[in-house]
Protein backbone atom coordinates (compact mmCIF):
# COMPACT_ATOMS: atom_id res chain seq x y z
CA MET A 1 -56.97 -13.68 -42.24
CA THR A 2 -58.30 -10.25 -43.08
CA ARG A 3 -61.20 -8.57 -41.46
CA HIS A 4 -63.45 -9.23 -44.46
CA ALA A 5 -61.98 -12.96 -44.97
CA THR A 6 -63.80 -13.90 -41.56
CA MET A 7 -67.18 -13.26 -43.01
CA LEU A 8 -67.04 -15.56 -45.86
CA ALA A 9 -70.10 -17.40 -45.59
CA LEU A 10 -73.90 -16.30 -45.24
CA LEU A 11 -73.46 -14.09 -48.19
CA LEU A 12 -70.47 -12.31 -46.97
CA ALA A 13 -68.18 -9.81 -47.87
CA THR A 14 -64.29 -10.97 -48.87
CA THR A 15 -61.28 -9.21 -49.66
CA VAL A 16 -60.09 -12.50 -51.45
CA GLN A 17 -59.65 -12.01 -55.30
CA ALA A 18 -61.69 -14.40 -57.45
CA ALA A 19 -59.46 -16.35 -59.92
CA PRO A 20 -60.30 -15.71 -63.72
CA ALA A 21 -63.83 -17.38 -64.27
CA THR A 22 -65.54 -18.30 -67.35
CA TRP A 23 -68.87 -18.34 -65.80
CA THR A 24 -69.47 -16.88 -62.14
CA GLY A 25 -73.09 -18.02 -62.13
CA PRO A 26 -75.63 -19.95 -64.12
CA CYS A 27 -75.54 -19.32 -67.94
CA GLU A 28 -78.50 -16.98 -68.66
CA ALA A 29 -81.29 -17.90 -70.60
CA PRO A 30 -83.11 -15.06 -72.45
CA ARG A 31 -86.70 -14.70 -72.21
CA PRO A 32 -88.42 -17.85 -73.14
CA PRO A 33 -90.17 -18.27 -76.20
CA GLU A 34 -94.09 -18.23 -76.82
CA GLY A 35 -95.38 -21.64 -75.58
CA ALA A 36 -92.46 -22.33 -73.40
CA TRP A 37 -93.21 -25.11 -70.71
CA ARG A 38 -89.99 -25.71 -68.58
CA VAL A 39 -86.42 -24.60 -69.16
CA GLU A 40 -83.28 -26.08 -67.66
CA ARG A 41 -79.58 -25.33 -67.95
CA GLY A 42 -76.77 -28.03 -67.85
CA TYR A 43 -72.80 -27.36 -67.38
CA ALA A 44 -70.11 -29.55 -68.16
CA ARG A 45 -66.39 -29.77 -68.47
CA ALA A 46 -64.09 -31.76 -70.82
CA ALA A 47 -60.66 -32.10 -72.54
CA THR A 48 -62.10 -30.82 -75.92
CA ALA A 49 -64.84 -28.30 -76.94
CA SER A 50 -66.81 -30.77 -78.85
CA ALA A 51 -67.01 -33.28 -75.72
CA ALA A 52 -67.85 -30.43 -73.72
CA GLU A 53 -70.73 -29.03 -75.75
CA GLU A 54 -72.28 -32.65 -76.12
CA GLU A 55 -72.04 -33.41 -72.26
CA ALA A 56 -73.53 -30.01 -71.27
CA GLN A 57 -76.49 -30.56 -73.74
CA ALA A 58 -76.87 -34.24 -72.26
CA LYS A 59 -76.81 -32.78 -68.79
CA ALA A 60 -79.38 -30.07 -69.54
CA ARG A 61 -81.57 -32.70 -71.19
CA ARG A 62 -81.12 -35.11 -68.09
CA GLN A 63 -81.99 -32.39 -65.64
CA LEU A 64 -84.92 -31.13 -67.40
CA VAL A 65 -86.75 -34.58 -67.52
CA ASP A 66 -85.66 -35.28 -63.89
CA ALA A 67 -86.96 -32.18 -62.73
CA VAL A 68 -90.50 -32.87 -64.14
CA ALA A 69 -90.85 -36.40 -63.95
CA ALA A 70 -92.24 -36.72 -60.33
CA PRO A 71 -95.98 -35.88 -61.22
CA LEU A 72 -96.05 -37.18 -64.69
CA THR A 73 -97.24 -40.37 -66.20
CA PRO A 74 -94.98 -42.86 -68.06
CA GLN A 75 -96.40 -41.55 -71.20
CA GLU A 76 -96.01 -37.88 -70.31
CA ARG A 77 -92.59 -38.64 -69.42
CA ALA A 78 -91.38 -40.13 -72.44
CA GLU A 79 -93.06 -37.31 -74.56
CA VAL A 80 -91.04 -34.95 -72.66
CA GLU A 81 -87.83 -36.93 -73.25
CA ALA A 82 -88.61 -37.03 -76.82
CA HIS A 83 -89.05 -33.31 -77.30
CA VAL A 84 -86.36 -31.76 -75.29
CA ASP A 85 -84.71 -29.19 -77.57
CA THR A 86 -81.23 -28.20 -76.85
CA SER A 87 -80.62 -26.11 -80.05
CA TRP A 88 -83.03 -23.19 -79.14
CA GLN A 89 -79.81 -21.25 -77.80
CA PRO A 90 -76.20 -21.88 -79.09
CA VAL A 91 -74.39 -23.74 -76.55
CA ARG A 92 -71.78 -21.72 -74.96
CA VAL A 93 -68.12 -23.00 -74.97
CA ARG A 94 -65.20 -21.44 -73.17
CA GLU A 95 -61.78 -22.27 -72.49
CA ALA A 96 -61.20 -23.85 -68.74
CA ALA A 97 -58.26 -24.82 -66.88
CA GLY A 98 -57.20 -28.22 -68.33
CA GLY A 99 -59.71 -28.10 -71.31
CA PHE A 100 -63.14 -26.42 -71.87
CA GLU A 101 -66.45 -25.94 -70.33
CA ALA A 102 -69.65 -25.54 -71.85
CA CYS A 103 -73.24 -24.47 -70.75
CA ALA A 104 -76.36 -25.55 -72.72
CA VAL A 105 -80.11 -24.57 -72.36
CA ALA A 106 -82.63 -27.26 -72.59
CA ILE A 107 -86.24 -26.47 -73.33
CA VAL A 108 -89.88 -28.34 -73.86
CA ARG A 109 -92.69 -26.35 -75.51
CA GLN A 110 -96.28 -26.61 -74.53
CA ARG A 111 -97.21 -28.13 -77.73
CA ASP A 112 -94.83 -31.11 -77.26
CA VAL A 113 -96.51 -32.36 -74.14
CA SER A 114 -99.61 -34.10 -73.05
CA GLU A 115 -103.20 -32.52 -73.66
CA ARG A 116 -103.46 -32.44 -69.79
CA LEU A 117 -100.11 -30.53 -69.41
CA ARG A 118 -100.98 -28.16 -72.47
CA ARG A 119 -104.33 -27.35 -70.76
CA LEU A 120 -102.82 -26.51 -67.28
CA SER A 121 -99.96 -24.66 -68.74
CA GLY A 122 -102.24 -22.35 -71.22
CA ASP A 123 -104.45 -21.65 -68.18
CA LEU A 124 -101.49 -20.18 -66.22
CA ASP A 125 -99.87 -18.42 -69.24
CA ALA A 126 -103.20 -16.78 -69.90
CA GLN A 127 -103.70 -15.51 -66.35
CA LEU A 128 -100.19 -14.05 -66.23
CA LYS A 129 -100.70 -12.36 -69.65
CA GLU A 130 -103.86 -10.71 -68.11
CA ARG A 131 -101.83 -9.47 -65.21
CA ALA A 132 -99.00 -8.18 -67.39
CA ALA A 133 -101.70 -6.22 -69.44
CA SER A 134 -103.07 -4.85 -66.20
CA LEU A 135 -99.47 -4.03 -65.25
CA ALA A 136 -98.94 -2.30 -68.52
CA ALA A 137 -102.15 -0.29 -68.27
CA GLY A 138 -100.81 0.99 -64.93
CA LEU A 139 -97.67 1.94 -66.40
CA GLY A 140 -99.06 3.54 -69.38
CA ALA A 141 -97.26 0.95 -71.28
CA LYS A 142 -93.93 2.87 -70.71
CA GLY A 143 -90.84 1.99 -69.08
CA LEU A 144 -88.30 -0.63 -67.93
CA VAL A 145 -89.57 -3.12 -65.79
CA ARG A 146 -87.51 -4.81 -62.98
CA ALA A 147 -88.90 -8.64 -62.48
CA ASP A 148 -87.73 -10.12 -59.25
CA ILE A 149 -87.82 -13.93 -58.50
CA PRO A 150 -91.13 -14.69 -56.58
CA LEU A 151 -90.39 -15.72 -52.88
CA TRP A 152 -92.76 -17.77 -50.70
CA ASP A 153 -95.21 -15.38 -48.76
CA ASP A 154 -93.17 -15.53 -45.65
CA GLY A 155 -90.28 -13.90 -47.54
CA THR A 156 -88.09 -17.13 -47.90
CA PRO A 157 -86.63 -18.18 -51.37
CA ALA A 158 -88.95 -20.62 -53.42
CA ASP A 159 -86.10 -22.18 -55.18
CA ALA A 160 -87.26 -24.26 -58.32
CA LEU A 161 -90.87 -23.00 -58.02
CA GLY A 162 -89.82 -19.56 -57.76
CA ARG A 163 -87.52 -19.58 -60.77
CA GLU A 164 -90.01 -21.45 -62.78
CA MET A 165 -92.78 -18.62 -62.06
CA HIS A 166 -89.97 -15.93 -62.88
CA LEU A 167 -89.62 -17.57 -66.62
CA ARG A 168 -93.25 -17.75 -67.05
CA TRP A 169 -93.58 -14.20 -66.13
CA LEU A 170 -91.00 -13.02 -68.51
CA GLY A 171 -92.54 -14.98 -71.14
CA ALA A 172 -95.78 -13.29 -70.54
CA VAL A 173 -95.03 -9.78 -69.96
CA GLY A 174 -95.24 -7.49 -73.12
CA LEU A 175 -93.07 -4.71 -71.63
CA PRO A 176 -89.24 -4.24 -71.76
CA VAL A 177 -87.77 -6.31 -68.95
CA ALA A 178 -84.62 -5.32 -67.24
CA GLY A 179 -81.81 -7.63 -67.44
CA PRO A 180 -79.44 -8.65 -64.43
CA THR A 181 -77.08 -5.30 -64.78
CA ASP A 182 -79.84 -2.96 -65.58
CA THR A 183 -80.09 -0.13 -63.58
CA ALA A 184 -82.48 2.45 -65.32
CA TRP A 185 -85.79 0.48 -64.80
CA THR A 186 -88.86 2.64 -63.75
CA ALA A 187 -91.04 -0.03 -62.22
CA GLN A 188 -90.30 -3.16 -59.91
CA VAL A 189 -92.58 -6.39 -59.99
CA ARG A 190 -92.36 -8.93 -57.00
CA GLY A 191 -94.22 -12.02 -56.27
CA GLN A 192 -95.50 -13.96 -53.31
CA LEU A 193 -96.04 -17.76 -53.58
CA GLY A 194 -98.23 -20.01 -51.43
CA ARG A 195 -100.94 -22.49 -51.15
CA GLY A 196 -104.00 -21.69 -52.98
CA GLY A 197 -107.44 -23.58 -52.68
CA GLY A 198 -107.16 -27.57 -52.55
CA ASP A 199 -103.87 -28.66 -54.25
CA THR A 200 -103.45 -25.30 -56.06
CA CYS A 201 -100.60 -22.79 -55.91
CA ARG A 202 -101.18 -19.15 -55.68
CA LEU A 203 -99.06 -16.22 -56.79
CA GLN A 204 -99.70 -12.80 -55.70
CA LEU A 205 -97.85 -10.12 -57.82
CA PHE A 206 -97.21 -6.53 -56.79
CA TRP A 207 -95.58 -3.67 -58.39
CA GLN A 208 -94.21 -0.20 -57.36
CA ARG A 209 -92.88 2.67 -59.55
CA ARG A 210 -89.40 3.62 -58.66
CA GLY A 211 -89.32 6.22 -55.96
CA LYS A 212 -92.74 5.91 -55.11
CA PRO A 213 -94.08 4.45 -51.54
CA GLY A 214 -96.32 1.62 -51.70
CA TRP A 215 -96.84 -1.53 -53.69
CA LEU A 216 -99.88 -2.17 -55.79
CA PRO A 217 -101.56 -5.67 -56.00
CA LEU A 218 -102.60 -7.20 -59.15
CA GLU A 219 -105.34 -9.98 -59.10
CA PRO A 220 -103.98 -13.14 -57.80
CA VAL A 221 -102.80 -16.17 -59.80
CA SER A 222 -104.21 -19.60 -59.13
CA PHE A 223 -102.55 -22.68 -60.71
CA ASN A 224 -102.12 -26.35 -60.44
CA PRO A 225 -98.30 -27.19 -59.70
CA MET A 226 -98.04 -29.52 -62.67
CA ALA A 227 -98.29 -26.45 -65.15
CA VAL A 228 -94.85 -25.80 -64.36
CA GLY A 229 -94.15 -29.57 -64.09
CA LEU A 230 -93.61 -29.56 -60.22
CA GLN A 231 -95.71 -32.00 -57.83
CA SER A 232 -96.65 -29.52 -55.19
CA CYS A 233 -96.30 -25.88 -54.20
CA ALA A 234 -95.87 -26.73 -50.30
CA PRO A 235 -93.95 -24.03 -48.82
CA PRO A 236 -91.26 -24.76 -46.13
CA ALA A 237 -92.04 -24.72 -42.28
CA GLU A 238 -91.85 -21.24 -40.86
CA GLY A 239 -88.53 -20.80 -39.23
CA ALA A 240 -85.94 -18.15 -38.20
CA LEU A 241 -85.87 -16.67 -41.68
CA SER A 242 -89.77 -15.94 -42.00
CA ASP A 243 -91.06 -12.56 -42.13
CA ALA A 244 -92.94 -13.13 -38.89
CA ARG A 245 -89.89 -14.29 -36.98
CA LEU A 246 -87.88 -11.45 -38.46
CA GLY A 247 -90.54 -8.67 -37.59
CA LEU A 248 -90.95 -7.70 -41.07
CA ASP A 249 -93.84 -7.65 -43.46
CA ALA A 250 -93.13 -8.55 -47.09
CA GLY A 251 -89.15 -8.38 -46.29
CA SER A 252 -89.15 -4.86 -45.04
CA ARG A 253 -90.23 -2.54 -42.48
CA PRO A 254 -90.33 1.51 -42.89
CA GLY A 255 -89.16 3.57 -39.98
CA SER A 256 -91.89 5.22 -37.65
CA GLY A 257 -90.59 8.77 -38.72
CA GLY A 258 -90.92 7.91 -42.55
CA LEU A 259 -87.50 6.57 -43.11
CA GLU A 260 -87.34 3.93 -45.95
CA LEU A 261 -84.49 1.50 -47.04
CA ARG A 262 -84.29 -0.60 -50.22
CA LEU A 263 -81.44 -3.36 -50.45
CA GLU A 264 -80.51 -4.60 -54.00
CA SER A 265 -78.07 -6.61 -55.55
CA PRO A 266 -77.78 -5.21 -58.87
CA PRO A 267 -75.93 -7.87 -60.89
CA ARG A 268 -78.10 -10.90 -59.81
CA HIS A 269 -81.22 -11.24 -57.90
CA ASP A 270 -82.41 -14.73 -58.33
CA LEU A 271 -80.12 -18.19 -58.13
CA LEU A 272 -76.58 -17.81 -56.95
CA CYS A 273 -73.92 -20.55 -57.12
CA ASP A 274 -71.83 -21.63 -54.22
CA GLY A 275 -68.90 -19.09 -54.15
CA GLU A 276 -70.50 -16.62 -56.49
CA ARG A 277 -69.64 -13.03 -55.86
CA PHE A 278 -72.15 -10.13 -56.28
CA SER A 279 -72.53 -6.53 -55.39
CA VAL A 280 -74.86 -5.19 -52.73
CA VAL A 281 -76.25 -1.58 -52.53
CA ALA A 282 -78.65 -0.12 -49.83
CA GLU A 283 -80.41 3.22 -50.61
CA ALA A 284 -81.98 5.21 -47.66
CA SER A 285 -84.66 8.17 -48.11
CA ALA A 286 -82.70 9.86 -45.65
CA ASP A 287 -78.99 10.19 -44.10
CA ALA A 288 -78.57 6.91 -41.80
CA TRP A 289 -76.16 4.48 -40.53
CA VAL A 290 -76.57 1.62 -42.43
CA ARG A 291 -75.38 -1.91 -41.60
CA VAL A 292 -75.82 -5.29 -43.51
CA TYR A 293 -76.19 -8.48 -41.78
CA SER A 294 -76.88 -12.03 -42.72
CA VAL A 295 -79.38 -14.37 -40.87
CA ALA A 296 -79.07 -18.28 -41.05
CA GLU A 297 -81.79 -20.46 -40.68
CA ASP A 298 -80.56 -21.48 -37.25
CA GLY A 299 -80.81 -18.10 -36.20
CA ARG A 300 -77.28 -16.93 -36.24
CA VAL A 301 -76.54 -13.24 -37.28
CA LEU A 302 -73.40 -12.02 -38.76
CA LEU A 303 -72.49 -8.56 -39.74
CA GLY A 304 -71.44 -7.92 -43.19
CA TRP A 305 -70.72 -4.35 -43.76
CA ALA A 306 -71.27 -1.20 -41.59
CA SER A 307 -71.09 2.44 -42.84
CA ASP A 308 -68.62 4.72 -41.00
CA LYS A 309 -70.69 7.85 -41.37
CA PRO A 310 -74.51 8.36 -42.23
CA VAL A 311 -75.27 8.00 -45.91
CA ARG A 312 -78.39 7.88 -48.12
CA ARG A 313 -76.46 5.31 -50.69
CA PHE A 314 -74.29 2.43 -49.24
CA ALA A 315 -72.73 0.54 -51.64
CA PRO A 316 -69.56 -1.51 -50.14
CA ALA A 317 -66.70 -2.03 -52.04
CA ASP A 318 -66.01 -5.49 -51.18
CA PRO A 319 -68.43 -8.16 -52.88
CA ALA A 320 -71.02 -10.58 -51.16
CA VAL A 321 -70.52 -14.18 -51.72
CA GLY A 322 -73.07 -17.01 -52.15
CA VAL A 323 -72.31 -19.74 -49.93
CA ARG A 324 -74.45 -22.95 -49.10
CA LEU A 325 -74.24 -23.22 -45.45
CA PRO A 326 -73.76 -26.77 -43.58
CA GLY A 327 -76.95 -28.74 -43.57
CA ASN A 328 -78.44 -26.99 -46.68
CA GLN A 329 -79.23 -24.22 -44.37
CA ARG A 330 -80.94 -20.94 -46.12
CA ASP A 331 -80.18 -17.40 -45.34
CA ARG A 332 -81.11 -13.77 -45.75
CA MET A 333 -79.38 -10.76 -46.14
CA ILE A 334 -81.10 -7.89 -43.90
CA ALA A 335 -79.93 -4.13 -43.83
CA VAL A 336 -80.95 -1.88 -41.20
CA ALA A 337 -81.07 1.84 -41.50
CA ILE A 338 -80.71 4.09 -38.15
CA PRO A 339 -81.55 7.77 -38.58
CA ALA A 340 -78.45 9.87 -38.49
CA ASN A 341 -79.48 11.80 -35.28
CA LEU A 342 -79.69 8.41 -33.27
CA GLY A 343 -76.27 7.36 -33.62
CA PRO A 344 -74.61 4.09 -34.45
CA GLY A 345 -75.07 2.86 -30.83
CA ALA A 346 -78.71 2.19 -31.56
CA PHE A 347 -78.44 -1.16 -33.36
CA ALA A 348 -80.21 -2.92 -30.29
CA GLY A 349 -77.49 -5.38 -29.39
CA LEU A 350 -76.78 -6.73 -32.78
CA PRO A 351 -73.08 -7.61 -33.71
CA THR A 352 -70.71 -4.87 -33.85
CA GLU A 353 -67.84 -6.83 -35.54
CA PRO A 354 -67.69 -9.34 -38.26
CA THR A 355 -65.54 -11.71 -36.31
CA CYS A 356 -68.40 -13.10 -34.00
CA PHE A 357 -72.26 -14.31 -34.74
CA GLY A 358 -75.13 -13.21 -32.66
CA THR A 359 -78.34 -15.00 -32.19
CA GLY A 360 -81.79 -13.99 -33.44
CA PHE A 361 -82.79 -11.02 -35.55
CA ASP A 362 -86.15 -9.18 -34.52
CA ALA A 363 -86.86 -6.03 -36.02
CA ARG A 364 -89.25 -5.22 -33.13
CA HIS A 365 -86.06 -4.89 -30.87
CA LEU A 366 -84.90 -1.86 -33.25
CA PRO A 367 -85.90 1.81 -32.41
CA PRO A 368 -89.08 2.30 -34.25
CA GLU A 369 -87.39 5.05 -36.26
CA ALA A 370 -85.20 2.39 -37.97
CA ALA A 371 -85.96 1.09 -41.43
CA VAL A 372 -85.15 -2.52 -42.47
CA ALA A 373 -84.79 -4.17 -45.94
CA SER A 374 -84.00 -7.64 -46.92
CA LEU A 375 -82.79 -9.88 -49.91
CA ALA A 376 -83.50 -13.69 -50.23
CA HIS A 377 -81.36 -15.63 -52.42
CA SER A 378 -81.33 -19.53 -53.42
CA VAL A 379 -77.72 -20.71 -53.33
CA ALA A 380 -76.81 -23.98 -55.53
CA ALA A 381 -74.00 -26.43 -55.22
CA PRO A 382 -71.43 -26.71 -58.01
CA GLY A 383 -72.84 -28.87 -60.78
CA ALA A 384 -76.36 -28.32 -59.56
CA ALA A 385 -79.38 -25.92 -61.00
CA GLY A 386 -77.12 -25.08 -63.90
CA CYS A 387 -73.86 -23.99 -61.77
CA PRO A 388 -70.54 -24.77 -62.96
CA SER A 389 -69.07 -28.10 -61.28
CA ASP A 390 -65.78 -26.18 -60.55
CA PRO A 391 -63.23 -28.08 -58.37
CA ALA A 392 -61.93 -24.78 -57.24
CA LYS A 393 -65.04 -23.34 -56.43
CA ARG A 394 -66.02 -26.23 -54.59
CA ALA A 395 -62.89 -26.20 -52.55
CA GLU A 396 -63.39 -22.45 -51.92
CA GLY A 397 -66.81 -23.01 -50.55
CA ASP A 398 -65.78 -25.96 -48.11
CA ALA A 399 -63.01 -23.38 -46.87
CA MET A 400 -65.65 -20.75 -46.02
CA ARG A 401 -67.99 -23.00 -44.43
CA ALA A 402 -65.06 -24.26 -42.10
CA ALA A 403 -64.10 -20.40 -41.54
CA ILE A 404 -67.66 -19.81 -40.33
CA ALA A 405 -67.94 -23.10 -38.16
CA ALA A 406 -64.72 -21.89 -36.29
CA LEU A 407 -66.57 -18.20 -35.44
CA PRO A 408 -67.20 -17.77 -32.03
CA ARG A 409 -70.43 -16.30 -30.32
CA CYS A 410 -70.22 -12.58 -29.41
CA ALA A 411 -69.75 -11.58 -25.81
CA ALA A 412 -72.87 -10.42 -24.17
CA ARG A 413 -72.90 -6.51 -24.17
């Protein structure tokens, strides 16, 4: 097993070469059309192209209805079922081992659901358009905007609610929006989700010009979770991945001397599929020793990469891998930058090798001059949330989880 093959899970680096793939992640739906209510994706594999296409459409249709059924009345559910449209985007079909695989996108529009859902959905869209107009005014209506998937206000992934709010924002914003691989964006938007008053949800949006310090808030958005076809917006209980436990504020911490750090995954910054590979880039405002860790929900800490000298831009050649952990644990990727003059010995007892795991990450134990940044991803199982049901990927994910389970705890230093 190679050095990097011991990392494997918890969004780890690997030197294992990926087999030729058709889709490495969820098939991409473009910006939703005006009046969209819900969008879902479905994958299928079959012996013939036509069978794969038909099955993918059926799966997208079924997943959309199932995703929104809980809070709906029987009549509303019937309306959704009757108006699911899988022709909005062409079904993508490609050859796969032993046959073909297809990806279909299903959509339901506001006009095709009950008056109650139209009203709730329309109110949410109106608020988002107002916030988009405020953003455009702040930017002078120029530039390419990067829109990140909203997280819970403790910095952890918001899963289905986060993805739905991201699609709603894309449908509302009138500015050009950066795609997953676009790097020439001029402003970034992020969101924090949580409970509002009563049974409502609250979305707080922030934006920042590239290269400028500080995040500027937009007016909060308050909405009924049924506006996006969900039953509630209850956040998970606070755990080892929350900002409060990690010693972070909105997923980051600047150094006391002004050092700042940004952590990004340019190809993807939302939902990952089990076994999906993606690149990682950490950018510091000054020369620094940089390490990237993964922290699991049970508190385990594993080293992913470490720079071998002070750098401003750290882009490991080995890709990261999205892996669902045992027990469906979540995880966060944490980058730490230590000023060059402090040396690589100032990482406060964190793991120094990827062959063992430590316990607990708290930025408050680091030198005050250190800067910290984080990424939070949702990782879906094969066949779920629009991810391909690929037996090879499923087996690879199982092997990664077994390798992680076998890692020892790092010796005390």
